[in-house]
Amino acid sequence: MRTLYCWLILIGIKGTGLAQVPTFLTDVQPIIIRNCTTPCHHTGGVGPFRLLTYDDVAKRGKFIASVTRTRYMPPFPADRQFQHYANERGLSDAEIETIQAWVRGGMKKGETPAAASRPKEAASLAATARQPDLVFRMKPYLVRGDGQEDFRYFHVPMNLTRDIWVEAIEFVPGNRKLVHHSRLMVDSTGTMSAINGIAEADPKLREFQRTPLADEFLYGWVPGNDRVTFPAGAAKRIRASSDLILNIHYAPSAKEETDQSEVRLYLARQPVDRVVRTLSLTENDVTNQPFRLAANTKPVFYMKFGPLPDSIRLLSVMPHMHRLGQSVKAFAITPDGDAINLIQIPAWDYNWQLTYFFRQALTLPKGTVILAEAQYDNTDQNPLNPNRPARTVGYGWNSTDEMMNLVFYYIR
C-alpha cells in the first residue's frame, strides 16, 4: 500500500511539473498579442516583422526571450508611476518568466483554448486585423540622391461626397528607410492642388500657407508612433470635398529612391457625440527664450500655455524632440491649484515617440495652465549628438536641429 501511495504521489508531482511548462496558445500568445502584436508587430505596423502566429513567434523565440528579459522590449518610455495610459505596454516579472520558461521548454505550441476564455486577446486581434475603410496614396515621389535632407508637401485628393467621422488614423511610410516624419493636414478649400511636391524652401509655399486649413494636425507620424484610435464616441470629422495635405521630411540619401506613402482611415462604427480636436504647444510657448542650445551645454527649457479659455478633456499627449533631447515632463495646474500629471519621460528615446492615450480623459477646467520642461544635451560627450563637433543649434526640422513640442488630442 505504501508503495502504491508513493507512486501516486510521484505521478502527481510529475503531472504538476508538466502542467507548469508554458505553451504558446495558452500562456505566451496572450502576452504577445497585448504587448507586441497590437501596438507594433502587425501587418503595416512600426515593428520590422509580424508576430501574429505561432510560427512568427517561435522562429524568433530566443531573440524575444532575450529582449524581454532585459526589458528592451516592449518599449514604453513614459513613467507609469507619474501617469497611467490606456495603451501602456510592459511585461511583469511573471510574464517575462513565462516567456523564458516557454523557450527553455522547447517552445511548445499547445492546444487552442476556448475563445470565450480570452475575450481581451480576441478583441485586440480583431482590432489589429481590421481593414481600413479608406486608403489614400500619394503619387510616387523620387527622393534625390544628393545627400541632403528633403522637406516636401503633397496634395492627396480624397474625393469625399459626404462628411466622414474617423475613429482611427494610420500613416504607412512607403520608404521606411527615408521617411523621417510626416504631418497630416486637411484642406477644405479645394485650392491647394498645386502644392503637390513643393519644397519647404520654395518661396511659393508661402502663398499656400496663407490658406486656413480645416485641420492643421490630423495626425503626426514619427519613429515609434503607430495607428491612433480615439475612445468610443469620439472621432475626427472630415468634411465632404476635403483633401489631405502631407508634409513629409526625408532623410538624406546617397542614391535616388522612390516613396509612395499612404494614409489609412478607419470610420466610426457607432454614433459620434464628441469631435476630436488638436492642441499643439510649440517652441513659441517656451518661456525662457530664445530656444537656442549653445554648444557644449545642457540647457533646460520651460513651456507655458494658458490659461485655457474653456474647459476641455484631454484624450492624449505626444511629446516631440530630436536627438539632443534627454527628458521631458508636463503637467497642468487648475485654477484651484491642483496639479494634473500629463507625461514624464525620464530617458528620452528619439526612436520611440508614442501618442499616449490617458486611461480616462483628463478634465482641464477653464483657466487651467499647462506647464512643461525639457532637458537637452548638446555636448561632445552625447553619443547621439548629430553634430561633430557640437555646435549651437536652434529650432528647425532638420535632424541636426532641435524642437520642443507637445501635441494633445482633446474634446470640448
Foldseek 3Di string as FASTA:
>chain_A
DVVVVVVVVVVVVVVVVVVPQDACQPQNVLLCLLFPQLQAADVLGLDPHHDDDLVRCVVCLVVVLVCLVVQVPPDDQWDVVLAHFPSDHHDDPVNSVNSVSCVVVPRHHDDHDDCVVCVPSVVSVCVRPDAFPDKWKFDKDKDAQPQDKWKAKAKTWDQFPFKFWFFKKWKRKQDVVWWAKKFKFKAQPPPCNVRHGDTPPDPCVVVVVVHDTPARGPDMGHFAEGMDGFDAQETAMHGHRMIMMMITMTGHHNHMDMIIMMMGTHTHPDHHDWYKHKDKDWCVQWDPDDQKDAAQDKDKIKGKDDQAQFKWWWFWKWKDKAQQWAWKFKWKQAPVGDIGGHTTRRGDDRNHTYTTTHPGTHIHGRGMMMMMMTIGGQYCPRPRQPDVHGHMAGDDDDNNHIITMMMTIITD
